[in-house]
Amino acid sequence: MAHRFTVKQIAAQAGVSLATVDRVRHGRAHVHAQTRSRVAAAIRELDEQAEAGIPAGRGLAIEVILNSPERFSRAVRQAFVAAAADRAPLRIAPRFHADERMHVDAIVRRLEAIEPQTTQGIVLKAPDHPAVAAAVEALRGRGIPVVTFATDIRTAGRIAYVGIDNEAAGRTAAFLLSRFLASQSATVLANLGSRDFHGEQDRWHGFADFMAQHCPQHRIVTIDGGYGLDHATYELARAERARHGVIGGIYSMGGGNRGLIRALEDAGDRRYAFVGHDLDAENRRLLRAGRLDAVVDHDLYADAARALRHILHFRRHGQAAEADTSRAVIVTPWNM
């Protein structure tokens, strides 16, 4: 394993012992595959940090745990590395744990394994589940601050929520679709990745309330459970298109946008208004190609910087900084 970092640096970034790193480096037996993977990830993270200009040496280790599609996790990762670099000369070392389908039990095990000796704070994007909430409360009791990111968890155990006002974002998307569709009556497909996420529930409620109040002529059809993954979302959308006929509008709050487009176009639909979320690389391509009409976005770098500020403030003062939510920004093909 050739690299430019010391065993001590790798061990600190991975949150494991020097002996463990040595065993991994020399390919010795009796090392768990997950540990090998964590050490390899630590080296990649150190490379990212060095490239971004994060200073070497001791610092604060922040766990960033993301249950989200890879395209969103990648954008969040870039934002946190940049935000940490801008804290120099203070060294903040993000450790990333991301999975598109991270089961609640796996999230809880990961949270329970975190120790205050090796971690100074946690940024968490996870389902709003009682077991996750209980794990967050236990971490708070051990002095480890948790900031929920992009989607909240209903527990007093987390020190802050950082992200967009999701209900307002849903209303914003409904407002846009109401203008795109005008007075014509249409079937609108609302796509949730999963109702397990508090943020997506809030987006859906904001969207549905606005449409019911201001656009009762439109019929809302909801799909749920694609988890932002293209193939699963395609199958759900294809079934609803077969059941309800022509789709005139889409609000995708949960990703899987390529799957939505393919399902509708396989059924012959070519003209529909489409509002999505998050200006990631995939949605940039869809906007440029004219497949998306608008994206409700927010500044991930600003959110990452705010999450770090909450953790640092908590460690200095025993409480989070004053909370605020991100402002929704509407992006079209003409203002990317």
C-alpha atoms as a PDB file:
ATOM      1  CA  MET A   1       0.000   0.000   0.000  1.00  0.00           C
ATOM      2  CA  ALA A   2       1.984   3.010  -1.287  1.00  0.00           C
ATOM      3  CA  HIS A   3       0.933   6.423  -0.010  1.00  0.00           C
ATOM      4  CA  ARG A   4       2.354   9.689   1.264  1.00  0.00           C
ATOM      5  CA  PHE A   5       0.929   9.649   4.791  1.00  0.00           C
ATOM      6  CA  THR A   6       2.323   8.312   8.039  1.00  0.00           C
ATOM      7  CA  VAL A   7       0.763   5.421   9.919  1.00  0.00           C
ATOM      8  CA  LYS A   8      -0.151   7.907  12.662  1.00  0.00           C
ATOM      9  CA  GLN A   9      -1.993  10.192  10.220  1.00  0.00           C
ATOM     10  CA  ILE A  10      -3.899   7.290   8.679  1.00  0.00           C
ATOM     11  CA  ALA A  11      -4.837   5.862  12.076  1.00  0.00           C
ATOM     12  CA  ALA A  12      -6.127   9.239  13.257  1.00  0.00           C
ATOM     13  CA  GLN A  13      -8.193   9.752  10.103  1.00  0.00           C
ATOM     14  CA  ALA A  14      -9.572   6.200  10.172  1.00  0.00           C
ATOM     15  CA  GLY A  15     -10.259   6.256  13.918  1.00  0.00           C
ATOM     16  CA  VAL A  16      -8.336   3.020  14.479  1.00  0.00           C
ATOM     17  CA  SER A  17      -5.108   2.059  16.237  1.00  0.00           C
ATOM     18  CA  LEU A  18      -1.597   2.298  14.811  1.00  0.00           C
ATOM     19  CA  ALA A  19      -1.332  -1.505  15.028  1.00  0.00           C
ATOM     20  CA  THR A  20      -4.491  -1.928  12.954  1.00  0.00           C
ATOM     21  CA  VAL A  21      -3.146   0.307  10.197  1.00  0.00           C
ATOM     22  CA  ASP A  22       0.123  -1.630  10.259  1.00  0.00           C
ATOM     23  CA  ARG A  23      -1.735  -4.946   9.881  1.00  0.00           C
ATOM     24  CA  VAL A  24      -3.738  -3.553   6.961  1.00  0.00           C
ATOM     25  CA  ARG A  25      -0.621  -2.118   5.288  1.00  0.00           C
ATOM     26  CA  HIS A  26       1.158  -5.459   5.415  1.00  0.00           C
ATOM     27  CA  GLY A  27      -1.870  -7.523   4.400  1.00  0.00           C
ATOM     28  CA  ARG A  28      -1.922  -9.564   7.582  1.00  0.00           C
ATOM     29  CA  ALA A  29      -4.760 -11.929   8.425  1.00  0.00           C
ATOM     30  CA  HIS A  30      -7.500 -11.434  11.032  1.00  0.00           C
ATOM     31  CA  VAL A  31      -8.429  -7.908   9.923  1.00  0.00           C
ATOM     32  CA  HIS A  32     -12.134  -7.372   9.275  1.00  0.00           C
ATOM     33  CA  ALA A  33     -13.016  -6.376   5.701  1.00  0.00           C
ATOM     34  CA  GLN A  34     -14.873  -3.326   7.023  1.00  0.00           C
ATOM     35  CA  THR A  35     -11.687  -2.209   8.815  1.00  0.00           C
ATOM     36  CA  ARG A  36      -9.634  -2.587   5.640  1.00  0.00           C
ATOM     37  CA  SER A  37     -12.251  -0.557   3.792  1.00  0.00           C
ATOM     38  CA  ARG A  38     -12.176   2.162   6.470  1.00  0.00           C
ATOM     39  CA  VAL A  39      -8.367   2.442   6.283  1.00  0.00           C
ATOM     40  CA  ALA A  40      -8.506   2.704   2.475  1.00  0.00           C
ATOM     41  CA  ALA A  41     -11.211   5.369   2.795  1.00  0.00           C
ATOM     42  CA  ALA A  42      -9.058   7.277   5.298  1.00  0.00           C
ATOM     43  CA  ILE A  43      -6.213   7.476   2.783  1.00  0.00           C
ATOM     44  CA  ARG A  44      -8.603   8.802   0.115  1.00  0.00           C
ATOM     45  CA  GLU A  45      -9.888  11.374   2.600  1.00  0.00           C
ATOM     46  CA  LEU A  46      -6.364  12.479   3.477  1.00  0.00           C
ATOM     47  CA  ASP A  47      -5.637  12.885  -0.243  1.00  0.00           C
ATOM     48  CA  GLU A  48      -8.750  15.054  -0.623  1.00  0.00           C
ATOM     49  CA  GLN A  49      -7.812  17.134   2.382  1.00  0.00           C
ATOM     50  CA  ALA A  50      -4.253  17.684   1.189  1.00  0.00           C
ATOM     51  CA  GLU A  51      -5.476  18.704  -2.262  1.00  0.00           C
ATOM     52  CA  ALA A  52      -7.995  21.127  -0.712  1.00  0.00           C
ATOM     53  CA  GLY A  53      -5.323  22.697   1.482  1.00  0.00           C
ATOM     54  CA  ILE A  54      -6.483  21.373   4.852  1.00  0.00           C
ATOM     55  CA  PRO A  55      -3.387  21.529   7.089  1.00  0.00           C
ATOM     56  CA  ALA A  56      -1.714  18.347   8.296  1.00  0.00           C
ATOM     57  CA  GLY A  57      -1.443  17.414  11.959  1.00  0.00           C
ATOM     58  CA  ARG A  58      -3.858  16.920  14.821  1.00  0.00           C
ATOM     59  CA  GLY A  59      -7.315  18.409  14.598  1.00  0.00           C
ATOM     60  CA  LEU A  60     -11.010  17.736  14.935  1.00  0.00           C
ATOM     61  CA  ALA A  61     -12.461  14.576  13.382  1.00  0.00           C
ATOM     62  CA  ILE A  62     -16.041  14.976  12.152  1.00  0.00           C
ATOM     63  CA  GLU A  63     -18.087  11.961  11.050  1.00  0.00           C
ATOM     64  CA  VAL A  64     -20.352  12.685   8.054  1.00  0.00           C
ATOM     65  CA  ILE A  65     -22.918   9.869   7.774  1.00  0.00           C
ATOM     66  CA  LEU A  66     -25.114   9.983   4.680  1.00  0.00           C
ATOM     67  CA  ASN A  67     -27.995   7.703   3.763  1.00  0.00           C
ATOM     68  CA  SER A  68     -28.484   9.142   0.282  1.00  0.00           C
ATOM     69  CA  PRO A  69     -27.967   8.499  -3.444  1.00  0.00           C
ATOM     70  CA  GLU A  70     -24.328   8.542  -4.496  1.00  0.00           C
ATOM     71  CA  ARG A  71     -24.714  11.700  -6.620  1.00  0.00           C
ATOM     72  CA  PHE A  72     -25.936  13.679  -3.587  1.00  0.00           C
ATOM     73  CA  SER A  73     -23.345  12.156  -1.254  1.00  0.00           C
ATOM     74  CA  ARG A  74     -20.604  13.147  -3.698  1.00  0.00           C
ATOM     75  CA  ALA A  75     -21.804  16.768  -3.770  1.00  0.00           C
ATOM     76  CA  VAL A  76     -22.037  16.854   0.044  1.00  0.00           C
ATOM     77  CA  ARG A  77     -18.537  15.407   0.331  1.00  0.00           C
ATOM     78  CA  GLN A  78     -17.115  18.142  -1.899  1.00  0.00           C
ATOM     79  CA  ALA A  79     -18.925  20.796   0.137  1.00  0.00           C
ATOM     80  CA  PHE A  80     -17.579  19.551   3.481  1.00  0.00           C
ATOM     81  CA  VAL A  81     -14.001  19.273   2.248  1.00  0.00           C
ATOM     82  CA  ALA A  82     -14.172  22.843   0.924  1.00  0.00           C
ATOM     83  CA  ALA A  83     -15.796  24.162   4.118  1.00  0.00           C
ATOM     84  CA  ALA A  84     -13.202  22.394   6.277  1.00  0.00           C
ATOM     85  CA  ALA A  85     -10.372  23.835   4.168  1.00  0.00           C
ATOM     86  CA  ASP A  86     -11.712  27.340   4.735  1.00  0.00           C
ATOM     87  CA  ARG A  87     -11.361  26.813   8.504  1.00  0.00           C
ATOM     88  CA  ALA A  88      -7.540  26.632   8.217  1.00  0.00           C
ATOM     89  CA  PRO A  89      -5.278  26.908  10.135  1.00  0.00           C
ATOM     90  CA  LEU A  90      -7.723  24.956  12.311  1.00  0.00           C
ATOM     91  CA  ARG A  91      -7.605  21.375  11.049  1.00  0.00           C
ATOM     92  CA  ILE A  92     -11.013  19.761  10.577  1.00  0.00           C
ATOM     93  CA  ALA A  93     -10.868  16.242   9.171  1.00  0.00           C
ATOM     94  CA  PRO A  94     -14.200  14.953   7.797  1.00  0.00           C
ATOM     95  CA  ARG A  95     -14.677  11.185   7.686  1.00  0.00           C
ATOM     96  CA  PHE A  96     -17.332  10.071   5.242  1.00  0.00           C
ATOM     97  CA  HIS A  97     -19.688   7.097   5.595  1.00  0.00           C
ATOM     98  CA  ALA A  98     -22.159   7.038   2.703  1.00  0.00           C
ATOM     99  CA  ASP A  99     -24.544   4.416   1.380  1.00  0.00           C
ATOM    100  CA  GLU A 100     -27.534   4.595  -0.955  1.00  0.00           C
ATOM    101  CA  ARG A 101     -29.528   2.044   1.045  1.00  0.00           C
ATOM    102  CA  MET A 102     -28.143   2.150   4.585  1.00  0.00           C
ATOM    103  CA  HIS A 103     -30.519   0.136   6.781  1.00  0.00           C
ATOM    104  CA  VAL A 104     -31.637   1.688  10.063  1.00  0.00           C
ATOM    105  CA  ASP A 105     -29.888  -1.088  12.028  1.00  0.00           C
ATOM    106  CA  ALA A 106     -26.604  -0.332  10.250  1.00  0.00           C
ATOM    107  CA  ILE A 107     -26.964   3.396  10.989  1.00  0.00           C
ATOM    108  CA  VAL A 108     -27.625   2.675  14.669  1.00  0.00           C
ATOM    109  CA  ARG A 109     -24.631   0.323  14.912  1.00  0.00           C
ATOM    110  CA  ARG A 110     -22.397   2.939  13.338  1.00  0.00           C
ATOM    111  CA  LEU A 111     -23.627   5.624  15.736  1.00  0.00           C
ATOM    112  CA  GLU A 112     -23.245   3.348  18.759  1.00  0.00           C
ATOM    113  CA  ALA A 113     -19.642   2.540  17.792  1.00  0.00           C
ATOM    114  CA  ILE A 114     -18.537   6.188  17.793  1.00  0.00           C
ATOM    115  CA  GLU A 115     -16.355   7.190  20.729  1.00  0.00           C
ATOM    116  CA  PRO A 116     -15.766  10.728  22.088  1.00  0.00           C
ATOM    117  CA  GLN A 117     -12.015  10.044  22.195  1.00  0.00           C
ATOM    118  CA  THR A 118     -11.824   9.787  18.399  1.00  0.00           C
ATOM    119  CA  THR A 119     -14.733  11.941  17.187  1.00  0.00           C
ATOM    120  CA  GLN A 120     -15.617  15.533  17.952  1.00  0.00           C
ATOM    121  CA  GLY A 121     -18.977  15.660  16.191  1.00  0.00           C
ATOM    122  CA  ILE A 122     -21.357  13.998  13.743  1.00  0.00           C
ATOM    123  CA  VAL A 123     -23.255  15.264  10.707  1.00  0.00           C
ATOM    124  CA  LEU A 124     -26.131  12.904   9.965  1.00  0.00           C
ATOM    125  CA  LYS A 125     -28.519  12.435   7.052  1.00  0.00           C
ATOM    126  CA  ALA A 126     -30.730   9.509   8.033  1.00  0.00           C
ATOM    127  CA  PRO A 127     -34.353   8.366   8.249  1.00  0.00           C
ATOM    128  CA  ASP A 128     -36.507   9.761  11.031  1.00  0.00           C
ATOM    129  CA  HIS A 129     -36.762   6.467  12.926  1.00  0.00           C
ATOM    130  CA  PRO A 130     -37.181   5.929  16.709  1.00  0.00           C
ATOM    131  CA  ALA A 131     -34.045   3.765  16.885  1.00  0.00           C
ATOM    132  CA  VAL A 132     -31.961   6.439  15.145  1.00  0.00           C
ATOM    133  CA  ALA A 133     -33.422   9.114  17.431  1.00  0.00           C
ATOM    134  CA  ALA A 134     -32.544   7.013  20.496  1.00  0.00           C
ATOM    135  CA  ALA A 135     -28.963   6.562  19.245  1.00  0.00           C
ATOM    136  CA  VAL A 136     -28.643  10.331  18.720  1.00  0.00           C
ATOM    137  CA  GLU A 137     -29.929  10.977  22.253  1.00  0.00           C
ATOM    138  CA  ALA A 138     -27.391   8.488  23.632  1.00  0.00           C
ATOM    139  CA  LEU A 139     -24.588  10.283  21.785  1.00  0.00           C
ATOM    140  CA  ARG A 140     -25.667  13.607  23.263  1.00  0.00           C
ATOM    141  CA  GLY A 141     -25.518  12.001  26.702  1.00  0.00           C
ATOM    142  CA  ARG A 142     -21.907  10.998  25.984  1.00  0.00           C
ATOM    143  CA  GLY A 143     -21.017  14.530  24.941  1.00  0.00           C
ATOM    144  CA  ILE A 144     -20.901  13.944  21.164  1.00  0.00           C
ATOM    145  CA  PRO A 145     -22.857  16.617  19.235  1.00  0.00           C
ATOM    146  CA  VAL A 146     -25.004  15.544  16.283  1.00  0.00           C
ATOM    147  CA  VAL A 147     -26.173  17.929  13.546  1.00  0.00           C
ATOM    148  CA  THR A 148     -28.885  16.608  11.239  1.00  0.00           C
ATOM    149  CA  PHE A 149     -28.308  17.531   7.599  1.00  0.00           C
ATOM    150  CA  ALA A 150     -30.821  18.072   4.740  1.00  0.00           C
ATOM    151  CA  THR A 151     -33.504  16.098   6.606  1.00  0.00           C
ATOM    152  CA  ASP A 152     -34.302  16.357  10.299  1.00  0.00           C
ATOM    153  CA  ILE A 153     -34.833  13.750  13.015  1.00  0.00           C
ATOM    154  CA  ARG A 154     -37.432  14.480  15.659  1.00  0.00           C
ATOM    155  CA  THR A 155     -35.349  14.370  18.798  1.00  0.00           C
ATOM    156  CA  ALA A 156     -34.028  16.898  21.284  1.00  0.00           C
ATOM    157  CA  GLY A 157     -30.770  14.921  21.161  1.00  0.00           C
ATOM    158  CA  ARG A 158     -29.494  16.606  18.026  1.00  0.00           C
ATOM    159  CA  ILE A 159     -27.999  20.045  18.595  1.00  0.00           C
ATOM    160  CA  ALA A 160     -29.219  21.573  15.319  1.00  0.00           C
ATOM    161  CA  TYR A 161     -30.782  20.927  11.929  1.00  0.00           C
ATOM    162  CA  VAL A 162     -28.929  22.346   8.924  1.00  0.00           C
ATOM    163  CA  GLY A 163     -30.514  22.518   5.500  1.00  0.00           C
ATOM    164  CA  ILE A 164     -33.358  23.927   3.509  1.00  0.00           C
ATOM    165  CA  ASP A 165     -36.829  24.646   4.902  1.00  0.00           C
ATOM    166  CA  ASN A 166     -38.315  21.574   3.240  1.00  0.00           C
ATOM    167  CA  GLU A 167     -41.981  22.532   3.564  1.00  0.00           C
ATOM    168  CA  ALA A 168     -41.262  25.911   1.967  1.00  0.00           C
ATOM    169  CA  ALA A 169     -39.297  24.115  -0.752  1.00  0.00           C
ATOM    170  CA  GLY A 170     -42.311  21.929  -1.516  1.00  0.00           C
ATOM    171  CA  ARG A 171     -44.540  25.001  -1.768  1.00  0.00           C
ATOM    172  CA  THR A 172     -41.998  26.647  -4.058  1.00  0.00           C
ATOM    173  CA  ALA A 173     -42.046  23.626  -6.369  1.00  0.00           C
ATOM    174  CA  ALA A 174     -45.862  23.666  -6.385  1.00  0.00           C
ATOM    175  CA  PHE A 175     -45.871  27.372  -7.242  1.00  0.00           C
ATOM    176  CA  LEU A 176     -43.546  26.739 -10.191  1.00  0.00           C
ATOM    177  CA  LEU A 177     -45.615  23.841 -11.507  1.00  0.00           C
ATOM    178  CA  SER A 178     -48.823  25.861 -11.131  1.00  0.00           C
ATOM    179  CA  ARG A 179     -47.312  28.489 -13.443  1.00  0.00           C
ATOM    180  CA  PHE A 180     -45.905  25.955 -15.904  1.00  0.00           C
ATOM    181  CA  LEU A 181     -49.241  24.106 -16.171  1.00  0.00           C
ATOM    182  CA  ALA A 182     -51.400  27.272 -16.026  1.00  0.00           C
ATOM    183  CA  SER A 183     -55.145  26.604 -15.971  1.00  0.00           C
ATOM    184  CA  GLN A 184     -55.106  23.304 -17.840  1.00  0.00           C
ATOM    185  CA  SER A 185     -56.082  20.220 -15.869  1.00  0.00           C
ATOM    186  CA  ALA A 186     -53.268  17.681 -15.543  1.00  0.00           C
ATOM    187  CA  THR A 187     -52.132  14.596 -13.654  1.00  0.00           C
ATOM    188  CA  VAL A 188     -49.041  15.500 -11.644  1.00  0.00           C
ATOM    189  CA  LEU A 189     -46.627  12.813 -10.453  1.00  0.00           C
ATOM    190  CA  ALA A 190     -45.072  13.546  -7.032  1.00  0.00           C
ATOM    191  CA  ASN A 191     -41.999  11.414  -6.373  1.00  0.00           C
ATOM    192  CA  LEU A 192     -40.768  10.782  -2.829  1.00  0.00           C
ATOM    193  CA  GLY A 193     -37.578   8.800  -2.371  1.00  0.00           C
ATOM    194  CA  SER A 194     -38.949   7.532   0.942  1.00  0.00           C
ATOM    195  CA  ARG A 195     -41.418   8.754   3.549  1.00  0.00           C
ATOM    196  CA  ASP A 196     -38.927   7.553   6.148  1.00  0.00           C
ATOM    197  CA  PHE A 197     -37.096  10.865   5.670  1.00  0.00           C
ATOM    198  CA  HIS A 198     -38.615  13.773   7.569  1.00  0.00           C
ATOM    199  CA  GLY A 199     -37.447  16.260   4.938  1.00  0.00           C
ATOM    200  CA  GLU A 200     -39.250  14.505   2.106  1.00  0.00           C
ATOM    201  CA  GLN A 201     -42.442  14.286   4.133  1.00  0.00           C
ATOM    202  CA  ASP A 202     -42.230  18.046   4.712  1.00  0.00           C
ATOM    203  CA  ARG A 203     -41.653  18.703   1.010  1.00  0.00           C
ATOM    204  CA  TRP A 204     -44.626  16.552   0.101  1.00  0.00           C
ATOM    205  CA  HIS A 205     -46.929  18.246   2.631  1.00  0.00           C
ATOM    206  CA  GLY A 206     -45.902  21.718   1.447  1.00  0.00           C
ATOM    207  CA  PHE A 207     -46.430  20.694  -2.170  1.00  0.00           C
ATOM    208  CA  ALA A 208     -49.758  18.929  -1.627  1.00  0.00           C
ATOM    209  CA  ASP A 209     -51.184  21.738   0.530  1.00  0.00           C
ATOM    210  CA  PHE A 210     -50.334  24.391  -2.065  1.00  0.00           C
ATOM    211  CA  MET A 211     -51.748  22.361  -4.951  1.00  0.00           C
ATOM    212  CA  ALA A 212     -54.966  21.584  -3.074  1.00  0.00           C
ATOM    213  CA  GLN A 213     -55.459  25.231  -2.151  1.00  0.00           C
ATOM    214  CA  HIS A 214     -54.436  26.920  -5.396  1.00  0.00           C
ATOM    215  CA  CYS A 215     -54.681  24.273  -8.148  1.00  0.00           C
ATOM    216  CA  PRO A 216     -57.522  21.881  -7.294  1.00  0.00           C
ATOM    217  CA  GLN A 217     -57.996  21.086 -11.008  1.00  0.00           C
ATOM    218  CA  HIS A 218     -54.815  19.002 -10.989  1.00  0.00           C
ATOM    219  CA  ARG A 219     -54.776  15.403  -9.810  1.00  0.00           C
ATOM    220  CA  ILE A 220     -51.751  14.468  -7.666  1.00  0.00           C
ATOM    221  CA  VAL A 221     -50.408  10.922  -7.945  1.00  0.00           C
ATOM    222  CA  THR A 222     -47.689  10.021  -5.433  1.00  0.00           C
ATOM    223  CA  ILE A 223     -44.975   7.379  -5.679  1.00  0.00           C
ATOM    224  CA  ASP A 224     -42.795   6.437  -2.719  1.00  0.00           C
ATOM    225  CA  GLY A 225     -39.894   4.054  -2.139  1.00  0.00           C
ATOM    226  CA  GLY A 226     -37.494   4.576  -5.031  1.00  0.00           C
ATOM    227  CA  TYR A 227     -34.847   5.941  -2.631  1.00  0.00           C
ATOM    228  CA  GLY A 228     -33.557   8.277  -5.349  1.00  0.00           C
ATOM    229  CA  LEU A 229     -32.345   5.316  -7.423  1.00  0.00           C
ATOM    230  CA  ASP A 230     -33.126   5.386 -11.137  1.00  0.00           C
ATOM    231  CA  HIS A 231     -34.234   1.787 -11.713  1.00  0.00           C
ATOM    232  CA  ALA A 232     -36.506   1.545  -8.660  1.00  0.00           C
ATOM    233  CA  THR A 233     -38.026   4.951  -9.436  1.00  0.00           C
ATOM    234  CA  TYR A 234     -38.539   3.915 -13.060  1.00  0.00           C
ATOM    235  CA  GLU A 235     -40.554   0.859 -12.031  1.00  0.00           C
ATOM    236  CA  LEU A 236     -42.760   2.866  -9.667  1.00  0.00           C
ATOM    237  CA  ALA A 237     -43.379   5.621 -12.219  1.00  0.00           C
ATOM    238  CA  ARG A 238     -44.083   3.153 -15.016  1.00  0.00           C
ATOM    239  CA  ALA A 239     -46.780   1.448 -12.931  1.00  0.00           C
ATOM    240  CA  GLU A 240     -48.485   4.751 -12.055  1.00  0.00           C
ATOM    241  CA  ARG A 241     -48.325   5.958 -15.668  1.00  0.00           C
ATOM    242  CA  ALA A 242     -50.061   2.735 -16.766  1.00  0.00           C
ATOM    243  CA  ARG A 243     -52.692   3.211 -14.066  1.00  0.00           C
ATOM    244  CA  HIS A 244     -53.444   6.925 -14.495  1.00  0.00           C
ATOM    245  CA  GLY A 245     -52.624   7.791 -18.109  1.00  0.00           C
ATOM    246  CA  VAL A 246     -50.779  10.807 -19.448  1.00  0.00           C
ATOM    247  CA  ILE A 247     -48.643  12.702 -16.922  1.00  0.00           C
ATOM    248  CA  GLY A 248     -48.581  16.477 -17.374  1.00  0.00           C
ATOM    249  CA  GLY A 249     -46.215  17.435 -14.566  1.00  0.00           C
ATOM    250  CA  ILE A 250     -43.599  15.969 -12.232  1.00  0.00           C
ATOM    251  CA  TYR A 251     -42.346  17.090  -8.852  1.00  0.00           C
ATOM    252  CA  SER A 252     -39.352  14.976  -7.883  1.00  0.00           C
ATOM    253  CA  MET A 253     -38.394  15.583  -4.272  1.00  0.00           C
ATOM    254  CA  GLY A 254     -36.550  12.281  -3.960  1.00  0.00           C
ATOM    255  CA  GLY A 255     -34.255  11.936  -6.997  1.00  0.00           C
ATOM    256  CA  GLY A 256     -34.223   9.140  -9.560  1.00  0.00           C
ATOM    257  CA  ASN A 257     -34.962  11.724 -12.250  1.00  0.00           C
ATOM    258  CA  ARG A 258     -33.534   9.744 -15.149  1.00  0.00           C
ATOM    259  CA  GLY A 259     -35.812   6.867 -14.184  1.00  0.00           C
ATOM    260  CA  LEU A 260     -38.835   9.180 -14.162  1.00  0.00           C
ATOM    261  CA  ILE A 261     -38.009  10.548 -17.605  1.00  0.00           C
ATOM    262  CA  ARG A 262     -37.476   7.090 -19.051  1.00  0.00           C
ATOM    263  CA  ALA A 263     -40.765   5.766 -17.620  1.00  0.00           C
ATOM    264  CA  LEU A 264     -42.799   8.601 -19.111  1.00  0.00           C
ATOM    265  CA  GLU A 265     -41.054   8.578 -22.460  1.00  0.00           C
ATOM    266  CA  ASP A 266     -41.380   4.795 -22.736  1.00  0.00           C
ATOM    267  CA  ALA A 267     -45.135   5.415 -22.387  1.00  0.00           C
ATOM    268  CA  GLY A 268     -45.078   8.083 -25.103  1.00  0.00           C
ATOM    269  CA  ASP A 269     -45.221  11.214 -22.929  1.00  0.00           C
ATOM    270  CA  ARG A 270     -42.992  13.950 -24.341  1.00  0.00           C
ATOM    271  CA  ARG A 271     -44.535  17.192 -23.058  1.00  0.00           C
ATOM    272  CA  TYR A 272     -44.609  17.635 -19.301  1.00  0.00           C
ATOM    273  CA  ALA A 273     -43.406  20.192 -16.776  1.00  0.00           C
ATOM    274  CA  PHE A 274     -40.671  18.898 -14.470  1.00  0.00           C
ATOM    275  CA  VAL A 275     -39.384  20.426 -11.212  1.00  0.00           C
ATOM    276  CA  GLY A 276     -36.644  18.653  -9.250  1.00  0.00           C
ATOM    277  CA  HIS A 277     -34.343  19.214  -6.273  1.00  0.00           C
ATOM    278  CA  ASP A 278     -30.597  19.842  -5.888  1.00  0.00           C
ATOM    279  CA  LEU A 279     -28.216  21.165  -8.523  1.00  0.00           C
ATOM    280  CA  ASP A 280     -25.942  18.125  -8.625  1.00  0.00           C
ATOM    281  CA  ALA A 281     -24.005  17.094 -11.717  1.00  0.00           C
ATOM    282  CA  GLU A 282     -26.820  14.898 -13.029  1.00  0.00           C
ATOM    283  CA  ASN A 283     -29.473  17.600 -12.724  1.00  0.00           C
ATOM    284  CA  ARG A 284     -27.156  20.099 -14.414  1.00  0.00           C
ATOM    285  CA  ARG A 285     -27.006  17.758 -17.398  1.00  0.00           C
ATOM    286  CA  LEU A 286     -30.790  17.330 -17.420  1.00  0.00           C
ATOM    287  CA  LEU A 287     -31.344  21.096 -17.245  1.00  0.00           C
ATOM    288  CA  ARG A 288     -28.938  21.725 -20.137  1.00  0.00           C
ATOM    289  CA  ALA A 289     -30.660  19.020 -22.189  1.00  0.00           C
ATOM    290  CA  GLY A 290     -34.091  20.549 -21.580  1.00  0.00           C
ATOM    291  CA  ARG A 291     -35.332  17.523 -19.631  1.00  0.00           C
ATOM    292  CA  LEU A 292     -35.798  19.478 -16.398  1.00  0.00           C
ATOM    293  CA  ASP A 293     -37.559  22.848 -16.301  1.00  0.00           C
ATOM    294  CA  ALA A 294     -36.373  23.989 -12.878  1.00  0.00           C
ATOM    295  CA  VAL A 295     -34.518  22.814  -9.790  1.00  0.00           C
ATOM    296  CA  VAL A 296     -35.134  23.951  -6.228  1.00  0.00           C
ATOM    297  CA  ASP A 297     -31.609  24.193  -4.887  1.00  0.00           C
ATOM    298  CA  HIS A 298     -29.728  25.321  -1.786  1.00  0.00           C
ATOM    299  CA  ASP A 299     -26.072  26.094  -1.122  1.00  0.00           C
ATOM    300  CA  LEU A 300     -24.435  22.877   0.102  1.00  0.00           C
ATOM    301  CA  TYR A 301     -21.167  24.644   0.873  1.00  0.00           C
ATOM    302  CA  ALA A 302     -22.990  27.144   3.106  1.00  0.00           C
ATOM    303  CA  ASP A 303     -24.831  24.265   4.786  1.00  0.00           C
ATOM    304  CA  ALA A 304     -21.576  22.373   5.386  1.00  0.00           C
ATOM    305  CA  ALA A 305     -19.948  25.499   6.843  1.00  0.00           C
ATOM    306  CA  ARG A 306     -22.991  26.031   9.068  1.00  0.00           C
ATOM    307  CA  ALA A 307     -22.890  22.423  10.305  1.00  0.00           C
ATOM    308  CA  LEU A 308     -19.205  22.782  11.233  1.00  0.00           C
ATOM    309  CA  ARG A 309     -19.970  26.065  12.998  1.00  0.00           C
ATOM    310  CA  HIS A 310     -22.651  24.385  15.125  1.00  0.00           C
ATOM    311  CA  ILE A 311     -20.261  21.611  16.178  1.00  0.00           C
ATOM    312  CA  LEU A 312     -17.408  24.017  16.967  1.00  0.00           C
ATOM    313  CA  HIS A 313     -19.725  26.328  18.922  1.00  0.00           C
ATOM    314  CA  PHE A 314     -21.057  23.374  20.908  1.00  0.00           C
ATOM    315  CA  ARG A 315     -17.571  22.181  21.783  1.00  0.00           C
ATOM    316  CA  ARG A 316     -16.570  25.649  22.953  1.00  0.00           C
ATOM    317  CA  HIS A 317     -19.761  26.726  24.699  1.00  0.00           C
ATOM    318  CA  GLY A 318     -21.811  23.573  25.368  1.00  0.00           C
ATOM    319  CA  GLN A 319     -24.607  24.661  23.059  1.00  0.00           C
ATOM    320  CA  ALA A 320     -25.268  25.053  19.352  1.00  0.00           C
ATOM    321  CA  ALA A 321     -25.021  28.366  17.548  1.00  0.00           C
ATOM    322  CA  GLU A 322     -28.215  30.173  16.633  1.00  0.00           C
ATOM    323  CA  ALA A 323     -30.124  28.063  14.123  1.00  0.00           C
ATOM    324  CA  ASP A 324     -31.293  29.133  10.681  1.00  0.00           C
ATOM    325  CA  THR A 325     -32.352  27.353   7.506  1.00  0.00           C
ATOM    326  CA  SER A 326     -31.013  27.655   3.977  1.00  0.00           C
ATOM    327  CA  ARG A 327     -32.731  29.805   1.430  1.00  0.00           C
ATOM    328  CA  ALA A 328     -34.258  28.006  -1.541  1.00  0.00           C
ATOM    329  CA  VAL A 329     -32.847  29.080  -4.906  1.00  0.00           C
ATOM    330  CA  ILE A 330     -34.685  28.419  -8.172  1.00  0.00           C
ATOM    331  CA  VAL A 331     -32.378  27.290 -10.964  1.00  0.00           C
ATOM    332  CA  THR A 332     -33.430  27.055 -14.613  1.00  0.00           C
ATOM    333  CA  PRO A 333     -31.450  26.202 -17.760  1.00  0.00           C
ATOM    334  CA  TRP A 334     -30.760  29.930 -18.081  1.00  0.00           C
ATOM    335  CA  ASN A 335     -29.185  30.756 -14.717  1.00  0.00           C
ATOM    336  CA  MET A 336     -27.005  27.761 -13.808  1.00  0.00           C
END
